[in-house]
Every structure is written in C-alpha cells, then in structure tokens.
N, C-alpha and C. Protein backbone atom coordinates (compact mmCIF):
# COMPACT_ATOMS: atom_id res chain seq x y z
N UNK A 1 -160.56 18.62 -24.99
CA UNK A 1 -160.40 18.12 -23.65
C UNK A 1 -158.90 18.06 -23.32
N UNK A 2 -158.55 18.56 -22.18
CA UNK A 2 -157.16 18.56 -21.75
C UNK A 2 -157.00 17.65 -20.54
N UNK A 3 -155.98 16.81 -20.58
CA UNK A 3 -155.71 15.89 -19.49
C UNK A 3 -154.32 16.17 -18.94
N UNK A 4 -154.24 16.47 -17.66
CA UNK A 4 -152.95 16.71 -17.01
C UNK A 4 -152.59 15.52 -16.14
N UNK A 5 -151.37 15.06 -16.29
CA UNK A 5 -150.85 13.99 -15.44
C UNK A 5 -149.65 14.57 -14.71
N UNK A 6 -149.72 14.51 -13.38
CA UNK A 6 -148.63 15.04 -12.57
C UNK A 6 -147.87 13.86 -11.98
N UNK A 7 -146.57 13.77 -12.30
CA UNK A 7 -145.75 12.69 -11.77
C UNK A 7 -144.38 13.24 -11.41
N UNK A 8 -143.64 12.47 -10.63
CA UNK A 8 -142.30 12.90 -10.24
C UNK A 8 -141.67 11.91 -9.29
N UNK A 9 -140.56 12.32 -8.69
CA UNK A 9 -139.85 11.49 -7.72
C UNK A 9 -139.83 12.23 -6.40
N UNK A 10 -140.24 11.54 -5.36
CA UNK A 10 -140.32 12.11 -4.02
C UNK A 10 -139.34 11.37 -3.13
N UNK A 11 -138.79 12.04 -2.15
CA UNK A 11 -137.92 11.35 -1.20
C UNK A 11 -138.41 11.61 0.22
N UNK A 12 -138.29 10.58 1.04
CA UNK A 12 -138.72 10.67 2.43
C UNK A 12 -137.58 10.19 3.32
N UNK A 13 -137.43 10.83 4.46
CA UNK A 13 -136.39 10.44 5.42
C UNK A 13 -137.05 9.75 6.60
N UNK A 14 -136.52 8.58 6.95
CA UNK A 14 -137.03 7.82 8.08
C UNK A 14 -135.89 7.52 9.04
N UNK A 15 -136.26 7.28 10.29
CA UNK A 15 -135.27 6.96 11.32
C UNK A 15 -135.42 5.49 11.71
N UNK A 16 -134.29 4.77 11.72
CA UNK A 16 -134.26 3.36 12.09
C UNK A 16 -133.42 3.22 13.35
N UNK A 17 -133.97 2.65 14.43
CA UNK A 17 -133.19 2.52 15.68
C UNK A 17 -131.92 1.71 15.47
N UNK A 18 -130.79 2.20 16.03
CA UNK A 18 -129.52 1.49 15.89
C UNK A 18 -128.87 1.12 17.21
N UNK A 19 -129.27 1.72 18.32
CA UNK A 19 -128.69 1.33 19.60
C UNK A 19 -128.35 2.52 20.48
N UNK A 20 -127.57 2.23 21.52
CA UNK A 20 -127.18 3.24 22.50
C UNK A 20 -125.74 3.67 22.29
N UNK A 21 -125.50 4.98 22.33
CA UNK A 21 -124.16 5.54 22.20
C UNK A 21 -124.06 6.76 23.10
N UNK A 22 -122.86 7.25 23.29
CA UNK A 22 -122.64 8.47 24.06
C UNK A 22 -122.96 9.67 23.19
N UNK A 23 -123.88 10.53 23.64
CA UNK A 23 -124.24 11.74 22.89
C UNK A 23 -123.38 12.90 23.38
N UNK A 24 -122.61 13.54 22.49
CA UNK A 24 -121.78 14.67 22.90
C UNK A 24 -122.59 15.86 23.41
N UNK A 25 -123.80 16.07 22.90
CA UNK A 25 -124.62 17.20 23.34
C UNK A 25 -125.25 16.94 24.70
N UNK A 26 -125.77 15.75 24.92
CA UNK A 26 -126.42 15.39 26.19
C UNK A 26 -125.41 15.03 27.27
N UNK A 27 -124.21 14.63 26.87
CA UNK A 27 -123.17 14.15 27.78
C UNK A 27 -123.65 12.94 28.58
N UNK A 28 -124.37 12.05 27.89
CA UNK A 28 -124.88 10.83 28.53
C UNK A 28 -125.09 9.75 27.47
N UNK A 29 -125.34 8.53 27.93
CA UNK A 29 -125.63 7.39 27.06
C UNK A 29 -127.09 7.53 26.59
N UNK A 30 -127.29 7.62 25.28
CA UNK A 30 -128.64 7.84 24.72
C UNK A 30 -128.91 6.85 23.59
N UNK A 31 -130.19 6.72 23.24
CA UNK A 31 -130.62 5.91 22.10
C UNK A 31 -130.45 6.73 20.83
N UNK A 32 -129.89 6.10 19.79
CA UNK A 32 -129.71 6.78 18.51
C UNK A 32 -130.48 6.06 17.41
N UNK A 33 -130.85 6.81 16.38
CA UNK A 33 -131.49 6.25 15.20
C UNK A 33 -130.66 6.60 13.97
N UNK A 34 -130.65 5.70 12.99
CA UNK A 34 -129.95 5.93 11.72
C UNK A 34 -130.93 6.60 10.77
N UNK A 35 -130.50 7.67 10.14
CA UNK A 35 -131.35 8.37 9.18
C UNK A 35 -131.19 7.73 7.80
N UNK A 36 -132.30 7.34 7.20
CA UNK A 36 -132.31 6.69 5.89
C UNK A 36 -133.25 7.47 4.97
N UNK A 37 -132.87 7.57 3.70
CA UNK A 37 -133.70 8.25 2.71
C UNK A 37 -134.20 7.23 1.70
N UNK A 38 -135.51 7.25 1.46
CA UNK A 38 -136.08 6.38 0.44
C UNK A 38 -136.69 7.25 -0.66
N UNK A 39 -136.53 6.78 -1.90
CA UNK A 39 -137.05 7.51 -3.05
C UNK A 39 -138.25 6.77 -3.63
N UNK A 40 -139.25 7.51 -4.05
CA UNK A 40 -140.50 6.94 -4.57
C UNK A 40 -140.90 7.65 -5.86
N UNK A 41 -141.45 6.88 -6.79
CA UNK A 41 -142.12 7.46 -7.96
C UNK A 41 -143.51 7.85 -7.49
N UNK A 42 -143.91 9.09 -7.75
CA UNK A 42 -145.23 9.53 -7.30
C UNK A 42 -146.09 9.95 -8.48
N UNK A 43 -147.36 9.70 -8.32
CA UNK A 43 -148.36 10.05 -9.32
C UNK A 43 -149.44 10.86 -8.63
N UNK A 44 -149.65 12.10 -9.07
CA UNK A 44 -150.58 13.02 -8.42
C UNK A 44 -150.24 13.19 -6.94
N UNK A 45 -148.93 13.31 -6.64
CA UNK A 45 -148.39 13.54 -5.30
C UNK A 45 -148.61 12.37 -4.34
N UNK A 46 -148.92 11.19 -4.86
CA UNK A 46 -149.08 9.99 -4.05
C UNK A 46 -147.94 9.03 -4.38
N UNK A 47 -147.12 8.66 -3.37
CA UNK A 47 -146.02 7.72 -3.63
C UNK A 47 -146.57 6.37 -4.07
N UNK A 48 -146.11 5.87 -5.23
CA UNK A 48 -146.65 4.64 -5.81
C UNK A 48 -145.62 3.51 -5.82
N UNK A 49 -144.43 3.76 -6.39
CA UNK A 49 -143.44 2.72 -6.60
C UNK A 49 -142.15 3.09 -5.86
N UNK A 50 -141.67 2.22 -4.95
CA UNK A 50 -140.39 2.52 -4.29
C UNK A 50 -139.22 2.35 -5.25
N UNK A 51 -138.29 3.30 -5.21
CA UNK A 51 -137.13 3.27 -6.11
C UNK A 51 -135.85 2.92 -5.38
N UNK A 52 -135.94 2.66 -4.09
CA UNK A 52 -134.76 2.27 -3.32
C UNK A 52 -134.55 3.17 -2.12
N UNK A 53 -133.69 2.72 -1.23
CA UNK A 53 -133.38 3.52 -0.06
C UNK A 53 -131.88 3.46 0.19
N UNK A 54 -131.38 4.46 0.90
CA UNK A 54 -129.96 4.51 1.21
C UNK A 54 -129.74 5.19 2.54
N UNK A 55 -128.64 4.86 3.16
CA UNK A 55 -128.27 5.48 4.42
C UNK A 55 -127.69 6.85 4.14
N UNK A 56 -127.99 7.82 4.99
CA UNK A 56 -127.43 9.15 4.83
C UNK A 56 -126.08 9.29 5.53
N UNK A 57 -125.67 8.23 6.25
CA UNK A 57 -124.41 8.29 6.98
C UNK A 57 -124.50 9.14 8.23
N UNK A 58 -125.72 9.40 8.68
CA UNK A 58 -125.96 10.24 9.84
C UNK A 58 -126.77 9.48 10.87
N UNK A 59 -126.54 9.77 12.14
CA UNK A 59 -127.34 9.23 13.23
C UNK A 59 -127.88 10.40 14.04
N UNK A 60 -129.02 10.18 14.70
CA UNK A 60 -129.67 11.25 15.44
C UNK A 60 -130.00 10.79 16.85
N UNK A 61 -129.70 11.61 17.83
CA UNK A 61 -130.05 11.33 19.23
C UNK A 61 -131.56 11.49 19.38
N UNK A 62 -132.21 10.49 19.98
CA UNK A 62 -133.67 10.56 20.13
C UNK A 62 -134.08 11.49 21.27
N UNK A 63 -133.15 11.87 22.14
CA UNK A 63 -133.47 12.75 23.26
C UNK A 63 -133.38 14.23 22.87
N UNK A 64 -132.23 14.64 22.33
CA UNK A 64 -132.04 16.07 22.02
C UNK A 64 -132.20 16.40 20.54
N UNK A 65 -132.17 15.37 19.65
CA UNK A 65 -132.35 15.59 18.22
C UNK A 65 -131.08 15.99 17.48
N UNK A 66 -129.94 16.00 18.17
CA UNK A 66 -128.67 16.34 17.50
C UNK A 66 -128.29 15.25 16.51
N UNK A 67 -127.72 15.67 15.36
CA UNK A 67 -127.30 14.72 14.34
C UNK A 67 -125.78 14.70 14.24
N UNK A 68 -125.23 13.49 14.02
CA UNK A 68 -123.79 13.30 13.92
C UNK A 68 -123.48 12.31 12.81
N UNK A 69 -122.24 12.35 12.32
CA UNK A 69 -121.78 11.28 11.42
C UNK A 69 -121.74 10.00 12.22
N UNK A 70 -121.92 8.87 11.55
CA UNK A 70 -121.91 7.58 12.23
C UNK A 70 -120.61 7.34 12.99
N UNK A 71 -119.49 7.76 12.43
CA UNK A 71 -118.19 7.53 13.05
C UNK A 71 -118.00 8.36 14.32
N UNK A 72 -118.71 9.46 14.47
CA UNK A 72 -118.50 10.36 15.60
C UNK A 72 -119.04 9.81 16.91
N UNK A 73 -120.01 8.90 16.87
CA UNK A 73 -120.64 8.42 18.10
C UNK A 73 -120.34 6.96 18.41
N UNK A 74 -119.58 6.27 17.56
CA UNK A 74 -119.32 4.86 17.83
C UNK A 74 -118.16 4.68 18.76
C-alpha cells in the first residue's frame, strides 16, 4: 500500500483599503488599497496554518488597477 501526502507553502495576495490619493494614471483623486502577501502551510492544496503576512510595499488604484510604490502616491 502506498500513501502519498502532498504538502507545501502557498502564498496569497490580498488588498487592504488604505485611503484616497492622487492616481498618476487616472489624473484624479482615487481610492487605493495596500497589497499584502500572506503565507500558508497547505496540505493537499488546502491552506491549513497561517505562517504570517507582510506588506509588499505596493498600493493599487481601485479604479484603473495601476500599482505604485507607497511613496509615489502619498
């Protein structure tokens, strides 16, 4: 009898609202979200245990989807 266990580390990117800033692409005041990455231990491709999250240092315009460094839009 053979038993296979599939495990690994998965990462997911989520957007957290941070406020309104001037978007260089839209040329207007827009809502931005902070992009954050969270890492998970997964078993059989199902995320089981969170291993932490961190900021990517990027923000994204919710209107046009353009991404910028945090310093570029403040």
